[in-house]
Structures are given as structure tokens and as C-alpha cells.
C-alpha atoms as a PDB file:
ATOM      1  CA  MET A   1       2.916-160.537  47.663  1.00  0.00           C
ATOM      2  CA  PRO A   2       0.319-158.063  48.954  1.00  0.00           C
ATOM      3  CA  ALA A   3       1.632-154.832  50.405  1.00  0.00           C
ATOM      4  CA  ALA A   4       1.492-154.300  54.120  1.00  0.00           C
ATOM      5  CA  PRO A   5      -1.115-151.836  55.424  1.00  0.00           C
ATOM      6  CA  GLY A   6       0.208-148.320  55.059  1.00  0.00           C
ATOM      7  CA  ASP A   7       2.699-149.355  52.344  1.00  0.00           C
ATOM      8  CA  ASP A   8       2.515-146.686  49.669  1.00  0.00           C
ATOM      9  CA  ARG A   9       4.998-148.222  47.234  1.00  0.00           C
ATOM     10  CA  ASP A  10       2.454-148.180  44.364  1.00  0.00           C
ATOM     11  CA  VAL A  11       1.705-144.537  44.990  1.00  0.00           C
ATOM     12  CA  ARG A  12       5.407-143.640  44.952  1.00  0.00           C
ATOM     13  CA  LEU A  13       5.876-145.524  41.663  1.00  0.00           C
ATOM     14  CA  VAL A  14       3.026-143.629  39.989  1.00  0.00           C
ATOM     15  CA  VAL A  15       4.319-140.283  41.260  1.00  0.00           C
ATOM     16  CA  LEU A  16       7.840-141.162  40.072  1.00  0.00           C
ATOM     17  CA  ALA A  17       6.541-142.117  36.618  1.00  0.00           C
ATOM     18  CA  PHE A  18       4.745-138.795  36.241  1.00  0.00           C
ATOM     19  CA  LEU A  19       7.741-136.827  37.474  1.00  0.00           C
ATOM     20  CA  LEU A  20       9.886-138.543  34.857  1.00  0.00           C
ATOM     21  CA  ALA A  21       7.310-137.815  32.160  1.00  0.00           C
ATOM     22  CA  ALA A  22       7.043-134.192  33.250  1.00  0.00           C
ATOM     23  CA  SER A  23      10.814-133.776  33.161  1.00  0.00           C
ATOM     24  CA  HIS A  24      10.629-134.434  29.416  1.00  0.00           C
ATOM     25  CA  ALA A  25       7.566-132.226  28.942  1.00  0.00           C
ATOM     26  CA  ARG A  26       9.451-129.196  27.720  1.00  0.00           C
ATOM     27  CA  ALA A  27       8.475-127.624  24.449  1.00  0.00           C
ATOM     28  CA  GLU A  28      10.950-128.186  21.656  1.00  0.00           C
ATOM     29  CA  ASP A  29      10.156-125.097  19.595  1.00  0.00           C
ATOM     30  CA  GLY A  30       9.404-122.227  21.944  1.00  0.00           C
ATOM     31  CA  ASP A  31       6.022-122.704  23.551  1.00  0.00           C
ATOM     32  CA  GLU A  32       4.667-125.313  21.136  1.00  0.00           C
ATOM     33  CA  LYS A  33       2.850-128.169  22.854  1.00  0.00           C
ATOM     34  CA  SER A  34       3.060-131.840  21.910  1.00  0.00           C
ATOM     35  CA  ALA A  35      -0.178-133.677  21.077  1.00  0.00           C
ATOM     36  CA  ALA A  36       1.496-137.001  21.900  1.00  0.00           C
ATOM     37  CA  LEU A  37       2.536-135.804  25.347  1.00  0.00           C
ATOM     38  CA  GLY A  38      -0.924-134.395  26.096  1.00  0.00           C
ATOM     39  CA  THR A  39      -2.615-137.623  25.053  1.00  0.00           C
ATOM     40  CA  SER A  40      -0.112-139.673  27.052  1.00  0.00           C
ATOM     41  CA  LEU A  41      -0.831-137.608  30.157  1.00  0.00           C
ATOM     42  CA  SER A  42      -4.582-138.190  29.876  1.00  0.00           C
ATOM     43  CA  ILE A  43      -4.474-141.880  29.022  1.00  0.00           C
ATOM     44  CA  GLY A  44      -1.509-142.704  31.256  1.00  0.00           C
ATOM     45  CA  ALA A  45      -2.919-141.058  34.388  1.00  0.00           C
ATOM     46  CA  THR A  46      -6.338-142.622  33.840  1.00  0.00           C
ATOM     47  CA  LEU A  47      -4.944-146.134  33.311  1.00  0.00           C
ATOM     48  CA  ALA A  48      -2.592-145.728  36.274  1.00  0.00           C
ATOM     49  CA  GLY A  49      -5.593-144.769  38.378  1.00  0.00           C
ATOM     50  CA  VAL A  50      -7.568-147.804  37.244  1.00  0.00           C
ATOM     51  CA  GLY A  51      -4.585-150.018  38.020  1.00  0.00           C
ATOM     52  CA  LEU A  52      -4.187-148.570  41.505  1.00  0.00           C
ATOM     53  CA  VAL A  53      -7.902-148.964  42.250  1.00  0.00           C
ATOM     54  CA  ALA A  54      -7.659-152.586  41.116  1.00  0.00           C
ATOM     55  CA  THR A  55      -5.030-153.274  43.802  1.00  0.00           C
ATOM     56  CA  GLU A  56      -7.831-152.960  46.367  1.00  0.00           C
ATOM     57  CA  GLU A  57      -5.388-151.596  48.945  1.00  0.00           C
ATOM     58  CA  SER A  58      -6.038-148.440  50.918  1.00  0.00           C
ATOM     59  CA  PRO A  59      -3.395-145.999  49.620  1.00  0.00           C
ATOM     60  CA  GLY A  60      -3.744-147.303  46.070  1.00  0.00           C
ATOM     61  CA  ILE A  61      -7.518-146.928  46.035  1.00  0.00           C
ATOM     62  CA  VAL A  62      -7.398-143.328  47.224  1.00  0.00           C
ATOM     63  CA  THR A  63      -4.650-142.272  44.818  1.00  0.00           C
ATOM     64  CA  GLY A  64      -6.163-144.317  42.000  1.00  0.00           C
ATOM     65  CA  SER A  65      -9.582-142.745  42.496  1.00  0.00           C
ATOM     66  CA  ALA A  66      -8.028-139.283  42.333  1.00  0.00           C
ATOM     67  CA  LEU A  67      -6.196-140.193  39.121  1.00  0.00           C
ATOM     68  CA  VAL A  68      -9.389-141.595  37.568  1.00  0.00           C
ATOM     69  CA  LEU A  69     -11.152-138.331  38.418  1.00  0.00           C
ATOM     70  CA  VAL A  70      -8.377-135.974  37.258  1.00  0.00           C
ATOM     71  CA  GLY A  71      -6.470-138.081  34.713  1.00  0.00           C
ATOM     72  CA  PRO A  72      -8.681-137.628  31.656  1.00  0.00           C
ATOM     73  CA  SER A  73      -8.416-133.839  31.991  1.00  0.00           C
ATOM     74  CA  LEU A  74      -4.605-133.658  32.268  1.00  0.00           C
ATOM     75  CA  GLY A  75      -4.036-133.472  28.515  1.00  0.00           C
ATOM     76  CA  HIS A  76      -6.571-130.674  28.158  1.00  0.00           C
ATOM     77  CA  TRP A  77      -5.013-128.797  31.082  1.00  0.00           C
ATOM     78  CA  TYR A  78      -1.642-129.199  29.367  1.00  0.00           C
ATOM     79  CA  ALA A  79      -3.211-127.515  26.317  1.00  0.00           C
ATOM     80  CA  HIS A  80      -4.721-124.763  28.511  1.00  0.00           C
ATOM     81  CA  ASP A  81      -8.241-126.052  27.756  1.00  0.00           C
ATOM     82  CA  ALA A  82      -9.634-126.582  31.245  1.00  0.00           C
ATOM     83  CA  TRP A  83     -13.299-127.294  30.453  1.00  0.00           C
ATOM     84  CA  ASN A  84     -14.830-129.228  27.544  1.00  0.00           C
ATOM     85  CA  ALA A  85     -17.809-131.450  26.753  1.00  0.00           C
ATOM     86  CA  GLY A  86     -16.112-134.507  28.274  1.00  0.00           C
ATOM     87  CA  THR A  87     -15.523-132.679  31.548  1.00  0.00           C
ATOM     88  CA  THR A  88     -19.187-131.627  31.587  1.00  0.00           C
ATOM     89  CA  ALA A  89     -20.380-135.180  30.912  1.00  0.00           C
ATOM     90  CA  ARG A  90     -18.119-136.628  33.613  1.00  0.00           C
ATOM     91  CA  THR A  91     -19.115-134.004  36.200  1.00  0.00           C
ATOM     92  CA  LEU A  92     -22.841-134.411  35.551  1.00  0.00           C
ATOM     93  CA  SER A  93     -22.567-138.209  35.594  1.00  0.00           C
ATOM     94  CA  LEU A  94     -20.863-138.060  39.017  1.00  0.00           C
ATOM     95  CA  ALA A  95     -23.711-135.938  40.370  1.00  0.00           C
ATOM     96  CA  VAL A  96     -26.427-138.134  38.821  1.00  0.00           C
ATOM     97  CA  GLY A  97     -24.697-141.326  39.983  1.00  0.00           C
ATOM     98  CA  PHE A  98     -24.388-140.005  43.530  1.00  0.00           C
ATOM     99  CA  LEU A  99     -28.081-139.008  43.588  1.00  0.00           C
ATOM    100  CA  ALA A 100     -29.038-142.442  42.238  1.00  0.00           C
ATOM    101  CA  LEU A 101     -27.075-144.137  45.036  1.00  0.00           C
ATOM    102  CA  VAL A 102     -28.714-141.927  47.651  1.00  0.00           C
ATOM    103  CA  SER A 103     -32.214-142.537  46.291  1.00  0.00           C
ATOM    104  CA  ALA A 104     -31.604-146.311  46.097  1.00  0.00           C
ATOM    105  CA  ARG A 105     -31.206-146.558  49.882  1.00  0.00           C
ATOM    106  CA  GLY A 106     -34.323-148.181  51.302  1.00  0.00           C
ATOM    107  CA  SER A 107     -35.962-148.451  47.884  1.00  0.00           C
ATOM    108  CA  ASP A 108     -37.205-151.664  46.300  1.00  0.00           C
ATOM    109  CA  SER A 109     -37.269-150.082  42.854  1.00  0.00           C
ATOM    110  CA  ARG A 110     -34.555-150.944  40.346  1.00  0.00           C
ATOM    111  CA  GLY A 111     -34.862-147.517  38.725  1.00  0.00           C
ATOM    112  CA  PRO A 112     -32.016-145.919  40.710  1.00  0.00           C
ATOM    113  CA  GLU A 113     -29.760-148.854  39.817  1.00  0.00           C
ATOM    114  CA  TYR A 114     -30.395-148.301  36.118  1.00  0.00           C
ATOM    115  CA  VAL A 115     -29.764-144.570  36.520  1.00  0.00           C
ATOM    116  CA  PHE A 116     -26.513-145.323  38.381  1.00  0.00           C
ATOM    117  CA  TRP A 117     -25.212-147.639  35.643  1.00  0.00           C
ATOM    118  CA  GLY A 118     -26.245-145.101  33.007  1.00  0.00           C
ATOM    119  CA  ALA A 119     -24.185-142.500  34.879  1.00  0.00           C
ATOM    120  CA  VAL A 120     -21.202-144.898  34.985  1.00  0.00           C
ATOM    121  CA  GLY A 121     -21.500-145.373  31.211  1.00  0.00           C
ATOM    122  CA  THR A 122     -21.725-141.623  30.662  1.00  0.00           C
ATOM    123  CA  TYR A 123     -18.622-141.117  32.808  1.00  0.00           C
ATOM    124  CA  GLY A 124     -16.789-143.673  30.653  1.00  0.00           C
ATOM    125  CA  LEU A 125     -17.883-141.961  27.436  1.00  0.00           C
ATOM    126  CA  GLY A 126     -16.797-138.575  28.823  1.00  0.00           C
ATOM    127  CA  THR A 127     -13.408-140.089  29.675  1.00  0.00           C
ATOM    128  CA  ILE A 128     -12.997-141.488  26.174  1.00  0.00           C
ATOM    129  CA  TYR A 129     -14.056-138.155  24.668  1.00  0.00           C
ATOM    130  CA  GLU A 130     -11.528-136.224  26.753  1.00  0.00           C
ATOM    131  CA  CYS A 131      -8.660-138.554  25.895  1.00  0.00           C
ATOM    132  CA  ALA A 132      -9.588-138.592  22.193  1.00  0.00           C
ATOM    133  CA  THR A 133      -9.871-134.805  21.839  1.00  0.00           C
ATOM    134  CA  VAL A 134      -6.541-133.866  23.438  1.00  0.00           C
ATOM    135  CA  PRO A 135      -4.701-133.641  20.067  1.00  0.00           C
ATOM    136  CA  ARG A 136      -7.333-131.200  18.782  1.00  0.00           C
ATOM    137  CA  ALA A 137      -6.982-129.064  21.946  1.00  0.00           C
ATOM    138  CA  VAL A 138      -3.183-129.055  21.610  1.00  0.00           C
ATOM    139  CA  ARG A 139      -3.383-128.053  17.939  1.00  0.00           C
ATOM    140  CA  ALA A 140      -5.784-125.222  18.854  1.00  0.00           C
ATOM    141  CA  TYR A 141      -3.365-124.024  21.535  1.00  0.00           C
ATOM    142  CA  ASN A 142      -0.423-124.110  19.123  1.00  0.00           C
ATOM    143  CA  ARG A 143      -2.448-122.315  16.444  1.00  0.00           C
ATOM    144  CA  THR A 144      -3.451-119.474  18.800  1.00  0.00           C
ATOM    145  CA  HIS A 145       0.020-119.030  20.293  1.00  0.00           C
ATOM    146  CA  ARG A 146       1.917-118.223  17.145  1.00  0.00           C
ATOM    147  CA  SER A 147       3.693-114.910  17.217  1.00  0.00           C
ATOM    148  CA  LEU A 148       5.157-112.368  14.860  1.00  0.00           C
ATOM    149  CA  GLY A 149       7.614-109.671  15.817  1.00  0.00           C
ATOM    150  CA  ILE A 150       8.622-106.597  13.821  1.00  0.00           C
ATOM    151  CA  THR A 151      11.829-104.803  14.769  1.00  0.00           C
ATOM    152  CA  PRO A 152      13.478-101.755  13.184  1.00  0.00           C
ATOM    153  CA  LEU A 153      16.811-102.533  11.573  1.00  0.00           C
ATOM    154  CA  VAL A 154      19.371 -99.736  11.216  1.00  0.00           C
ATOM    155  CA  ARG A 155      22.705-100.110   9.404  1.00  0.00           C
ATOM    156  CA  ASP A 156      25.351 -97.612   8.308  1.00  0.00           C
ATOM    157  CA  ASN A 157      23.700 -96.554   5.041  1.00  0.00           C
ATOM    158  CA  ALA A 158      20.394 -98.475   5.156  1.00  0.00           C
ATOM    159  CA  GLY A 159      17.349 -99.061   7.294  1.00  0.00           C
ATOM    160  CA  GLY A 160      14.394-101.369   7.301  1.00  0.00           C
ATOM    161  CA  LEU A 161      12.337-103.792   9.293  1.00  0.00           C
ATOM    162  CA  ALA A 162      13.198-107.283  10.504  1.00  0.00           C
ATOM    163  CA  LEU A 163      10.453-109.860  10.866  1.00  0.00           C
ATOM    164  CA  ALA A 164      10.649-112.770  13.266  1.00  0.00           C
ATOM    165  CA  GLY A 165       7.990-115.209  14.266  1.00  0.00           C
ATOM    166  CA  THR A 166       6.858-118.700  15.014  1.00  0.00           C
ATOM    167  CA  PHE A 167       4.508-120.379  12.579  1.00  0.00           C
END
């Protein structure tokens, strides 16, 4: 049964799903990030966005479009890697696609249509790239956030150093 106008049930379900996922997004060993969680954030948000856009209902289309735009980057943001080649490809393809749509108005040429569909394909490839490279970004984050601490150790008749760290 189609939702009534203004019914945002789908939107609430997506938000609830992400809140539940985020509640389990704590690091198990200090500040170490999970590649599986990062990948799930990127793929899950993107697929949820596609699903909401497919409902063809007003609140779902708006929320879904936002998730399709932001979703692929969530895993990289989780890994503190805000900009990458996939983000560049997706951003440029949005600009090129928009310009192709604008130039197609009042034109009999099929050139802008081909440019538009090329931009859509580039956006898709950028999305796939972002989702596929999240594990590498998470591993890089974990590798650069290892720590080592040295503390003096004093006992009754001895002294020394204590080492502690995450590896």
C-alpha cells in the first residue's frame, strides 16, 4: 500500500537502522577501526538511498538522493579519509552531468545526452571505487594510529622503564 503524502515512515526506518548500526560502531581495541563496519556504512547507506529513491515518493526521494550522494563516502569518513579519487570522480561527474543537462535544453544535438550518460557512468564507477577502497582506508588509519608509551618504573631497590603500546 503506497504511503500517504507526507508519510515519512521509510525515512524513519532508514534513520533507525543507521542509529542501530552506529550504536555498535565502537572500537573493540582502543581506537582501532573496523574495515567491515566502514564498508557496511558505505554500501548500506548507498543501497538504502537507491531503495528510497525507487519508492518514488516525496520524502523518500529527497532522503534517498542525499544518501546516494553521501553514502559512498561514509566508510572513508569513518576512517578519517575525507577525500579520495572516488570522491573526485563523483564530484566532477555531477558537475559535468549538470552542465550537459543545461546545454541540452533547446538543443537538437544528442551530444549533451551522451555526455550526461557518460557522467552517470563515471558517478557509478566513483561509487564502486569508494565502496571498494574503504578497507584499505581503514587499514591505513589503524596503521597510522598505533601508539607506544614509555613510563619510568621505580621500585624499592630497582628502577627501569615500562613500555606500553598498541600494535
